[in-house]
Structures are given as structure tokens and as C-alpha cells.
Amino acid sequence: MSTPSALVKVMSDAVRKAARGLTRDFGELGELQVSKKGPADYVSAADMKAEQVLFEALTAARPGYGFLGEERGLIEGTDKTHTWIADPLDGTTN
């Protein structure tokens, strides 16, 4: 069983990794508003990328845990008592 502080470190590291990609993507949003692709489409792509980063980082750190994400749904793990729940902030409806 992991200690709470170990789990907090796993989560913090995963969130920081996902945040780097979101920060980069949102820094380019102004350029996309003039392209044929709308900002909402780009934000959705950013959301999916962030969720993928979280999925990879969290399941690598705790392979038995399940994962529930807005985009991918529930992926059950072998450890039925622990499930990561992730919904990256992307601003599609804000």
C-alpha cells in the first residue's frame, strides 16, 4: 500500500507534466483562431493530449490502478480498490 505522501508525489508529477503541454498549447491558441480549425477543436485536442499524459504517468507509477478520464472512459485495473480520476482543465466550456 502506498503512503499518502507517495501518492501525492505521483499525482503532482503527473499534473506538472500535463500542465507543460497545456501551457504550450494555450500559448499558441491566438494563432489558431485565424486558421480554418476553430479554437474549440484545438482545445479538445489539448484536452485529449493532457489526459493521455496523465494516463501514461499515473498508470506507469501505479500499474494496477484503474483510470477514469473524460475522453477515454473507465479502464479497470487489477486493483479494484483504487482508480485514478482525471478531467484536465481545458476551458472548452469556460
PDB file of N, CA and C in Angstrom:
ATOM      1  N   MET A   1       0.849  -1.188   0.000  1.00  0.00           N
ATOM      2  CA  MET A   1       0.000   0.000   0.000  1.00  0.00           C
ATOM      3  C   MET A   1       0.889   1.243   0.000  1.00  0.00           C
ATOM      4  N   SER A   2       0.559   2.181  -0.826  1.00  0.00           N
ATOM      5  CA  SER A   2       1.320   3.430  -0.918  1.00  0.00           C
ATOM      6  C   SER A   2       0.933   4.380   0.203  1.00  0.00           C
ATOM      7  N   THR A   3       1.889   5.161   0.642  1.00  0.00           N
ATOM      8  CA  THR A   3       1.589   6.178   1.645  1.00  0.00           C
ATOM      9  C   THR A   3       0.939   7.367   0.949  1.00  0.00           C
ATOM     10  N   PRO A   4       0.133   8.145   1.680  1.00  0.00           N
ATOM     11  CA  PRO A   4      -0.488   9.319   1.056  1.00  0.00           C
ATOM     12  C   PRO A   4       0.528  10.261   0.423  1.00  0.00           C
ATOM     13  N   SER A   5       1.671  10.462   1.075  1.00  0.00           N
ATOM     14  CA  SER A   5       2.655  11.387   0.512  1.00  0.00           C
ATOM     15  C   SER A   5       3.245  10.845  -0.790  1.00  0.00           C
ATOM     16  N   ALA A   6       3.397   9.535  -0.905  1.00  0.00           N
ATOM     17  CA  ALA A   6       3.897   8.945  -2.149  1.00  0.00           C
ATOM     18  C   ALA A   6       2.881   9.144  -3.270  1.00  0.00           C
ATOM     19  N   LEU A   7       1.606   8.982  -2.955  1.00  0.00           N
ATOM     20  CA  LEU A   7       0.566   9.192  -3.971  1.00  0.00           C
ATOM     21  C   LEU A   7       0.476  10.657  -4.382  1.00  0.00           C
ATOM     22  N   VAL A   8       0.635  11.557  -3.429  1.00  0.00           N
ATOM     23  CA  VAL A   8       0.614  12.989  -3.749  1.00  0.00           C
ATOM     24  C   VAL A   8       1.761  13.326  -4.692  1.00  0.00           C
ATOM     25  N   LYS A   9       2.925  12.749  -4.465  1.00  0.00           N
ATOM     26  CA  LYS A   9       4.062  12.995  -5.359  1.00  0.00           C
ATOM     27  C   LYS A   9       3.774  12.457  -6.759  1.00  0.00           C
ATOM     28  N   VAL A  10       3.214  11.270  -6.860  1.00  0.00           N
ATOM     29  CA  VAL A  10       2.867  10.694  -8.165  1.00  0.00           C
ATOM     30  C   VAL A  10       1.895  11.614  -8.894  1.00  0.00           C
ATOM     31  N   MET A  11       0.852  12.059  -8.182  1.00  0.00           N
ATOM     32  CA  MET A  11      -0.144  12.940  -8.800  1.00  0.00           C
ATOM     33  C   MET A  11       0.464  14.280  -9.191  1.00  0.00           C
ATOM     34  N   SER A  12       1.242  14.864  -8.304  1.00  0.00           N
ATOM     35  CA  SER A  12       1.859  16.168  -8.586  1.00  0.00           C
ATOM     36  C   SER A  12       2.777  16.103  -9.798  1.00  0.00           C
ATOM     37  N   ASP A  13       3.581  15.063  -9.876  1.00  0.00           N
ATOM     38  CA  ASP A  13       4.483  14.908 -11.020  1.00  0.00           C
ATOM     39  C   ASP A  13       3.697  14.766 -12.321  1.00  0.00           C
ATOM     40  N   ALA A  14       2.620  13.976 -12.291  1.00  0.00           N
ATOM     41  CA  ALA A  14       1.800  13.775 -13.492  1.00  0.00           C
ATOM     42  C   ALA A  14       1.127  15.073 -13.923  1.00  0.00           C
ATOM     43  N   VAL A  15       0.598  15.815 -12.966  1.00  0.00           N
ATOM     44  CA  VAL A  15      -0.080  17.077 -13.277  1.00  0.00           C
ATOM     45  C   VAL A  15       0.906  18.097 -13.837  1.00  0.00           C
ATOM     46  N   ARG A  16       2.078  18.176 -13.265  1.00  0.00           N
ATOM     47  CA  ARG A  16       3.090  19.115 -13.788  1.00  0.00           C
ATOM     48  C   ARG A  16       3.471  18.768 -15.229  1.00  0.00           C
ATOM     49  N   LYS A  17       3.594  17.487 -15.506  1.00  0.00           N
ATOM     50  CA  LYS A  17       3.938  17.055 -16.858  1.00  0.00           C
ATOM     51  C   LYS A  17       2.821  17.428 -17.838  1.00  0.00           C
ATOM     52  N   ALA A  18       1.572  17.187 -17.463  1.00  0.00           N
ATOM     53  CA  ALA A  18       0.439  17.542 -18.328  1.00  0.00           C
ATOM     54  C   ALA A  18       0.324  19.054 -18.483  1.00  0.00           C
ATOM     55  N   ALA A  19       0.609  19.792 -17.418  1.00  0.00           N
ATOM     56  CA  ALA A  19       0.499  21.258 -17.455  1.00  0.00           C
ATOM     57  C   ALA A  19       1.475  21.876 -18.445  1.00  0.00           C
ATOM     58  N   ARG A  20       2.651  21.293 -18.576  1.00  0.00           N
ATOM     59  CA  ARG A  20       3.622  21.824 -19.552  1.00  0.00           C
ATOM     60  C   ARG A  20       3.034  21.804 -20.960  1.00  0.00           C
ATOM     61  N   GLY A  21       2.386  20.718 -21.325  1.00  0.00           N
ATOM     62  CA  GLY A  21       1.771  20.625 -22.647  1.00  0.00           C
ATOM     63  C   GLY A  21       0.608  21.582 -22.807  1.00  0.00           C
ATOM     64  N   LEU A  22      -0.238  21.700 -21.783  1.00  0.00           N
ATOM     65  CA  LEU A  22      -1.376  22.621 -21.860  1.00  0.00           C
ATOM     66  C   LEU A  22      -0.909  24.063 -21.969  1.00  0.00           C
ATOM     67  N   THR A  23       0.113  24.416 -21.203  1.00  0.00           N
ATOM     68  CA  THR A  23       0.646  25.780 -21.262  1.00  0.00           C
ATOM     69  C   THR A  23       1.158  26.090 -22.660  1.00  0.00           C
ATOM     70  N   ARG A  24       1.875  25.156 -23.244  1.00  0.00           N
ATOM     71  CA  ARG A  24       2.394  25.338 -24.603  1.00  0.00           C
ATOM     72  C   ARG A  24       1.236  25.465 -25.605  1.00  0.00           C
ATOM     73  N   ASP A  25       0.243  24.585 -25.500  1.00  0.00           N
ATOM     74  CA  ASP A  25      -0.884  24.604 -26.438  1.00  0.00           C
ATOM     75  C   ASP A  25      -1.684  25.894 -26.331  1.00  0.00           C
ATOM     76  N   PHE A  26      -1.952  26.350 -25.113  1.00  0.00           N
ATOM     77  CA  PHE A  26      -2.732  27.574 -24.961  1.00  0.00           C
ATOM     78  C   PHE A  26      -1.935  28.808 -25.348  1.00  0.00           C
ATOM     79  N   GLY A  27      -0.632  28.731 -25.304  1.00  0.00           N
ATOM     80  CA  GLY A  27       0.199  29.832 -25.778  1.00  0.00           C
ATOM     81  C   GLY A  27       0.087  30.026 -27.275  1.00  0.00           C
ATOM     82  N   GLU A  28      -0.311  28.982 -27.989  1.00  0.00           N
ATOM     83  CA  GLU A  28      -0.455  29.039 -29.443  1.00  0.00           C
ATOM     84  C   GLU A  28      -1.901  29.258 -29.877  1.00  0.00           C
ATOM     85  N   LEU A  29      -2.823  29.381 -28.958  1.00  0.00           N
ATOM     86  CA  LEU A  29      -4.245  29.478 -29.284  1.00  0.00           C
ATOM     87  C   LEU A  29      -4.571  30.682 -30.147  1.00  0.00           C
ATOM     88  N   GLY A  30      -3.926  31.821 -29.914  1.00  0.00           N
ATOM     89  CA  GLY A  30      -4.180  33.023 -30.705  1.00  0.00           C
ATOM     90  C   GLY A  30      -3.926  32.805 -32.183  1.00  0.00           C
ATOM     91  N   GLU A  31      -2.909  32.062 -32.518  1.00  0.00           N
ATOM     92  CA  GLU A  31      -2.601  31.776 -33.913  1.00  0.00           C
ATOM     93  C   GLU A  31      -3.655  30.880 -34.543  1.00  0.00           C
ATOM     94  N   LEU A  32      -4.243  30.013 -33.763  1.00  0.00           N
ATOM     95  CA  LEU A  32      -5.223  29.078 -34.304  1.00  0.00           C
ATOM     96  C   LEU A  32      -6.562  29.731 -34.576  1.00  0.00           C
ATOM     97  N   GLN A  33      -6.871  30.839 -33.932  1.00  0.00           N
ATOM     98  CA  GLN A  33      -8.162  31.478 -34.135  1.00  0.00           C
ATOM     99  C   GLN A  33      -8.318  32.011 -35.550  1.00  0.00           C
ATOM    100  N   VAL A  34      -7.251  32.231 -36.243  1.00  0.00           N
ATOM    101  CA  VAL A  34      -7.337  32.720 -37.612  1.00  0.00           C
ATOM    102  C   VAL A  34      -7.221  31.584 -38.622  1.00  0.00           C
ATOM    103  N   SER A  35      -7.005  30.377 -38.144  1.00  0.00           N
ATOM    104  CA  SER A  35      -6.909  29.240 -39.051  1.00  0.00           C
ATOM    105  C   SER A  35      -8.295  28.652 -39.285  1.00  0.00           C
ATOM    106  N   LYS A  36      -8.384  27.711 -40.215  1.00  0.00           N
ATOM    107  CA  LYS A  36      -9.663  27.057 -40.505  1.00  0.00           C
ATOM    108  C   LYS A  36     -10.141  26.217 -39.334  1.00  0.00           C
ATOM    109  N   LYS A  37      -9.227  25.764 -38.530  1.00  0.00           N
ATOM    110  CA  LYS A  37      -9.572  24.962 -37.364  1.00  0.00           C
ATOM    111  C   LYS A  37      -9.967  25.901 -36.239  1.00  0.00           C
ATOM    112  N   GLY A  38     -11.136  25.701 -35.654  1.00  0.00           N
ATOM    113  CA  GLY A  38     -11.609  26.579 -34.594  1.00  0.00           C
ATOM    114  C   GLY A  38     -10.895  26.341 -33.284  1.00  0.00           C
ATOM    115  N   PRO A  39     -10.921  27.333 -32.402  1.00  0.00           N
ATOM    116  CA  PRO A  39     -10.252  27.193 -31.109  1.00  0.00           C
ATOM    117  C   PRO A  39     -10.808  26.041 -30.278  1.00  0.00           C
ATOM    118  N   ALA A  40     -12.105  25.773 -30.369  1.00  0.00           N
ATOM    119  CA  ALA A  40     -12.689  24.689 -29.578  1.00  0.00           C
ATOM    120  C   ALA A  40     -12.135  23.337 -30.016  1.00  0.00           C
ATOM    121  N   ASP A  41     -11.907  23.144 -31.306  1.00  0.00           N
ATOM    122  CA  ASP A  41     -11.323  21.899 -31.789  1.00  0.00           C
ATOM    123  C   ASP A  41      -9.916  21.738 -31.238  1.00  0.00           C
ATOM    124  N   TYR A  42      -9.163  22.808 -31.236  1.00  0.00           N
ATOM    125  CA  TYR A  42      -7.791  22.759 -30.746  1.00  0.00           C
ATOM    126  C   TYR A  42      -7.768  22.483 -29.247  1.00  0.00           C
ATOM    127  N   VAL A  43      -8.665  23.121 -28.535  1.00  0.00           N
ATOM    128  CA  VAL A  43      -8.712  22.907 -27.090  1.00  0.00           C
ATOM    129  C   VAL A  43      -9.064  21.460 -26.796  1.00  0.00           C
ATOM    130  N   SER A  44      -9.976  20.878 -27.560  1.00  0.00           N
ATOM    131  CA  SER A  44     -10.321  19.478 -27.350  1.00  0.00           C
ATOM    132  C   SER A  44      -9.110  18.584 -27.586  1.00  0.00           C
ATOM    133  N   ALA A  45      -8.317  18.900 -28.603  1.00  0.00           N
ATOM    134  CA  ALA A  45      -7.096  18.132 -28.855  1.00  0.00           C
ATOM    135  C   ALA A  45      -6.128  18.293 -27.684  1.00  0.00           C
ATOM    136  N   ALA A  46      -6.027  19.498 -27.143  1.00  0.00           N
ATOM    137  CA  ALA A  46      -5.152  19.741 -25.996  1.00  0.00           C
ATOM    138  C   ALA A  46      -5.631  18.946 -24.787  1.00  0.00           C
ATOM    139  N   ASP A  47      -6.933  18.875 -24.607  1.00  0.00           N
ATOM    140  CA  ASP A  47      -7.515  18.119 -23.502  1.00  0.00           C
ATOM    141  C   ASP A  47      -7.172  16.640 -23.636  1.00  0.00           C
ATOM    142  N   MET A  48      -7.316  16.100 -24.838  1.00  0.00           N
ATOM    143  CA  MET A  48      -7.011  14.684 -25.051  1.00  0.00           C
ATOM    144  C   MET A  48      -5.530  14.392 -24.821  1.00  0.00           C
ATOM    145  N   LYS A  49      -4.659  15.309 -25.272  1.00  0.00           N
ATOM    146  CA  LYS A  49      -3.225  15.118 -25.048  1.00  0.00           C
ATOM    147  C   LYS A  49      -2.902  15.153 -23.556  1.00  0.00           C
ATOM    148  N   ALA A  50      -3.508  16.087 -22.833  1.00  0.00           N
ATOM    149  CA  ALA A  50      -3.252  16.189 -21.392  1.00  0.00           C
ATOM    150  C   ALA A  50      -3.730  14.933 -20.673  1.00  0.00           C
ATOM    151  N   GLU A  51      -4.900  14.445 -21.060  1.00  0.00           N
ATOM    152  CA  GLU A  51      -5.405  13.228 -20.430  1.00  0.00           C
ATOM    153  C   GLU A  51      -4.491  12.041 -20.738  1.00  0.00           C
ATOM    154  N   GLN A  52      -3.971  11.980 -21.946  1.00  0.00           N
ATOM    155  CA  GLN A  52      -3.050  10.901 -22.315  1.00  0.00           C
ATOM    156  C   GLN A  52      -1.782  10.951 -21.464  1.00  0.00           C
ATOM    157  N   VAL A  53      -1.261  12.155 -21.262  1.00  0.00           N
ATOM    158  CA  VAL A  53      -0.066  12.315 -20.424  1.00  0.00           C
ATOM    159  C   VAL A  53      -0.364  11.847 -19.000  1.00  0.00           C
ATOM    160  N   LEU A  54      -1.515  12.251 -18.468  1.00  0.00           N
ATOM    161  CA  LEU A  54      -1.895  11.826 -17.119  1.00  0.00           C
ATOM    162  C   LEU A  54      -2.057  10.310 -17.051  1.00  0.00           C
ATOM    163  N   PHE A  55      -2.731   9.745 -18.034  1.00  0.00           N
ATOM    164  CA  PHE A  55      -2.936   8.294 -18.075  1.00  0.00           C
ATOM    165  C   PHE A  55      -1.598   7.557 -18.056  1.00  0.00           C
ATOM    166  N   GLU A  56      -0.695   7.965 -18.932  1.00  0.00           N
ATOM    167  CA  GLU A  56       0.600   7.290 -19.025  1.00  0.00           C
ATOM    168  C   GLU A  56       1.408   7.427 -17.735  1.00  0.00           C
ATOM    169  N   ALA A  57       1.449   8.627 -17.181  1.00  0.00           N
ATOM    170  CA  ALA A  57       2.242   8.856 -15.973  1.00  0.00           C
ATOM    171  C   ALA A  57       1.652   8.129 -14.762  1.00  0.00           C
ATOM    172  N   LEU A  58       0.346   8.221 -14.595  1.00  0.00           N
ATOM    173  CA  LEU A  58      -0.282   7.619 -13.417  1.00  0.00           C
ATOM    174  C   LEU A  58      -0.287   6.098 -13.480  1.00  0.00           C
ATOM    175  N   THR A  59      -0.590   5.541 -14.648  1.00  0.00           N
ATOM    176  CA  THR A  59      -0.618   4.080 -14.739  1.00  0.00           C
ATOM    177  C   THR A  59       0.788   3.484 -14.747  1.00  0.00           C
ATOM    178  N   ALA A  60       1.777   4.258 -15.170  1.00  0.00           N
ATOM    179  CA  ALA A  60       3.163   3.775 -15.072  1.00  0.00           C
ATOM    180  C   ALA A  60       3.598   3.716 -13.610  1.00  0.00           C
ATOM    181  N   ALA A  61       3.172   4.701 -12.831  1.00  0.00           N
ATOM    182  CA  ALA A  61       3.548   4.757 -11.417  1.00  0.00           C
ATOM    183  C   ALA A  61       2.793   3.724 -10.580  1.00  0.00           C
ATOM    184  N   ARG A  62       1.549   3.480 -10.929  1.00  0.00           N
ATOM    185  CA  ARG A  62       0.711   2.516 -10.209  1.00  0.00           C
ATOM    186  C   ARG A  62      -0.032   1.671 -11.244  1.00  0.00           C
ATOM    187  N   PRO A  63       0.636   0.661 -11.815  1.00  0.00           N
ATOM    188  CA  PRO A  63       0.074  -0.108 -12.931  1.00  0.00           C
ATOM    189  C   PRO A  63      -1.231  -0.836 -12.615  1.00  0.00           C
ATOM    190  N   GLY A  64      -1.469  -1.186 -11.388  1.00  0.00           N
ATOM    191  CA  GLY A  64      -2.680  -1.920 -11.057  1.00  0.00           C
ATOM    192  C   GLY A  64      -3.921  -1.059 -10.896  1.00  0.00           C
ATOM    193  N   TYR A  65      -3.734   0.243 -10.749  1.00  0.00           N
ATOM    194  CA  TYR A  65      -4.868   1.137 -10.522  1.00  0.00           C
ATOM    195  C   TYR A  65      -5.678   1.307 -11.804  1.00  0.00           C
ATOM    196  N   GLY A  66      -6.988   1.488 -11.645  1.00  0.00           N
ATOM    197  CA  GLY A  66      -7.832   1.813 -12.785  1.00  0.00           C
ATOM    198  C   GLY A  66      -7.665   3.283 -13.148  1.00  0.00           C
ATOM    199  N   PHE A  67      -8.284   3.673 -14.257  1.00  0.00           N
ATOM    200  CA  PHE A  67      -8.207   5.068 -14.710  1.00  0.00           C
ATOM    201  C   PHE A  67      -9.548   5.449 -15.314  1.00  0.00           C
ATOM    202  N   LEU A  68     -10.097   6.573 -14.861  1.00  0.00           N
ATOM    203  CA  LEU A  68     -11.336   7.110 -15.414  1.00  0.00           C
ATOM    204  C   LEU A  68     -11.052   8.505 -15.919  1.00  0.00           C
ATOM    205  N   GLY A  69     -11.222   8.701 -17.214  1.00  0.00           N
ATOM    206  CA  GLY A  69     -10.989  10.002 -17.818  1.00  0.00           C
ATOM    207  C   GLY A  69     -12.178  10.433 -18.644  1.00  0.00           C
ATOM    208  N   GLU A  70     -12.328  11.730 -18.802  1.00  0.00           N
ATOM    209  CA  GLU A  70     -13.441  12.281 -19.570  1.00  0.00           C
ATOM    210  C   GLU A  70     -13.437  11.750 -21.001  1.00  0.00           C
ATOM    211  N   GLU A  71     -12.276  11.667 -21.611  1.00  0.00           N
ATOM    212  CA  GLU A  71     -12.181  11.282 -23.014  1.00  0.00           C
ATOM    213  C   GLU A  71     -12.165   9.770 -23.221  1.00  0.00           C
ATOM    214  N   ARG A  72     -11.471   9.039 -22.391  1.00  0.00           N
ATOM    215  CA  ARG A  72     -11.285   7.608 -22.628  1.00  0.00           C
ATOM    216  C   ARG A  72     -12.233   6.732 -21.830  1.00  0.00           C
ATOM    217  N   GLY A  73     -12.949   7.298 -20.874  1.00  0.00           N
ATOM    218  CA  GLY A  73     -13.853   6.498 -20.062  1.00  0.00           C
ATOM    219  C   GLY A  73     -13.089   5.699 -19.015  1.00  0.00           C
ATOM    220  N   LEU A  74     -13.708   4.620 -18.550  1.00  0.00           N
ATOM    221  CA  LEU A  74     -13.130   3.811 -17.477  1.00  0.00           C
ATOM    222  C   LEU A  74     -12.272   2.690 -18.043  1.00  0.00           C
ATOM    223  N   ILE A  75     -11.064   2.605 -17.531  1.00  0.00           N
ATOM    224  CA  ILE A  75     -10.181   1.477 -17.811  1.00  0.00           C
ATOM    225  C   ILE A  75      -9.926   0.827 -16.459  1.00  0.00           C
ATOM    226  N   GLU A  76     -10.469  -0.357 -16.290  1.00  0.00           N
ATOM    227  CA  GLU A  76     -10.351  -1.022 -14.998  1.00  0.00           C
ATOM    228  C   GLU A  76      -8.948  -1.570 -14.796  1.00  0.00           C
ATOM    229  N   GLY A  77      -8.491  -1.462 -13.575  1.00  0.00           N
ATOM    230  CA  GLY A  77      -7.189  -2.010 -13.212  1.00  0.00           C
ATOM    231  C   GLY A  77      -7.355  -3.318 -12.463  1.00  0.00           C
ATOM    232  N   THR A  78      -6.256  -3.949 -12.173  1.00  0.00           N
ATOM    233  CA  THR A  78      -6.310  -5.194 -11.407  1.00  0.00           C
ATOM    234  C   THR A  78      -6.588  -4.925  -9.930  1.00  0.00           C
ATOM    235  N   ASP A  79      -6.240  -3.737  -9.462  1.00  0.00           N
ATOM    236  CA  ASP A  79      -6.524  -3.310  -8.089  1.00  0.00           C
ATOM    237  C   ASP A  79      -7.905  -2.653  -8.102  1.00  0.00           C
ATOM    238  N   LYS A  80      -8.897  -3.374  -7.656  1.00  0.00           N
ATOM    239  CA  LYS A  80     -10.286  -2.887  -7.730  1.00  0.00           C
ATOM    240  C   LYS A  80     -10.614  -1.836  -6.670  1.00  0.00           C
ATOM    241  N   THR A  81      -9.671  -1.524  -5.787  1.00  0.00           N
ATOM    242  CA  THR A  81      -9.936  -0.542  -4.733  1.00  0.00           C
ATOM    243  C   THR A  81      -9.386   0.841  -5.053  1.00  0.00           C
ATOM    244  N   HIS A  82      -8.608   0.977  -6.144  1.00  0.00           N
ATOM    245  CA  HIS A  82      -8.016   2.267  -6.493  1.00  0.00           C
ATOM    246  C   HIS A  82      -8.258   2.587  -7.964  1.00  0.00           C
ATOM    247  N   THR A  83      -8.744   3.785  -8.214  1.00  0.00           N
ATOM    248  CA  THR A  83      -8.951   4.269  -9.584  1.00  0.00           C
ATOM    249  C   THR A  83      -8.555   5.732  -9.647  1.00  0.00           C
ATOM    250  N   TRP A  84      -7.686   6.070 -10.591  1.00  0.00           N
ATOM    251  CA  TRP A  84      -7.361   7.471 -10.856  1.00  0.00           C
ATOM    252  C   TRP A  84      -8.548   8.080 -11.592  1.00  0.00           C
ATOM    253  N   ILE A  85      -8.913   9.312 -11.257  1.00  0.00           N
ATOM    254  CA  ILE A  85      -9.975  10.039 -11.960  1.00  0.00           C
ATOM    255  C   ILE A  85      -9.377  11.344 -12.450  1.00  0.00           C
ATOM    256  N   ALA A  86      -9.429  11.557 -13.763  1.00  0.00           N
ATOM    257  CA  ALA A  86      -8.790  12.740 -14.342  1.00  0.00           C
ATOM    258  C   ALA A  86      -9.719  13.423 -15.334  1.00  0.00           C
ATOM    259  N   ASP A  87      -9.796  14.737 -15.230  1.00  0.00           N
ATOM    260  CA  ASP A  87     -10.522  15.568 -16.187  1.00  0.00           C
ATOM    261  C   ASP A  87      -9.720  16.852 -16.333  1.00  0.00           C
ATOM    262  N   PRO A  88      -8.770  16.867 -17.278  1.00  0.00           N
ATOM    263  CA  PRO A  88      -7.909  18.038 -17.417  1.00  0.00           C
ATOM    264  C   PRO A  88      -8.705  19.310 -17.682  1.00  0.00           C
ATOM    265  N   LEU A  89      -8.261  20.384 -17.077  1.00  0.00           N
ATOM    266  CA  LEU A  89      -8.862  21.690 -17.308  1.00  0.00           C
ATOM    267  C   LEU A  89      -8.440  22.169 -18.685  1.00  0.00           C
ATOM    268  N   ASP A  90      -9.417  22.391 -19.560  1.00  0.00           N
ATOM    269  CA  ASP A  90      -9.067  22.836 -20.901  1.00  0.00           C
ATOM    270  C   ASP A  90      -9.822  24.087 -21.321  1.00  0.00           C
ATOM    271  N   GLY A  91     -10.870  24.439 -20.629  1.00  0.00           N
ATOM    272  CA  GLY A  91     -11.579  25.671 -20.946  1.00  0.00           C
ATOM    273  C   GLY A  91     -12.557  25.577 -22.099  1.00  0.00           C
ATOM    274  N   THR A  92     -12.963  24.382 -22.515  1.00  0.00           N
ATOM    275  CA  THR A  92     -13.876  24.281 -23.653  1.00  0.00           C
ATOM    276  C   THR A  92     -15.240  24.877 -23.345  1.00  0.00           C
ATOM    277  N   THR A  93     -15.649  24.864 -22.087  1.00  0.00           N
ATOM    278  CA  THR A  93     -16.953  25.435 -21.750  1.00  0.00           C
ATOM    279  C   THR A  93     -16.838  26.603 -20.786  1.00  0.00           C
ATOM    280  N   ASN A  94     -15.649  27.094 -20.534  1.00  0.00           N
ATOM    281  CA  ASN A  94     -15.473  28.209 -19.592  1.00  0.00           C
ATOM    282  C   ASN A  94     -15.551  29.534 -20.316  1.00  0.00           C
TER     283      ASN A  94
END
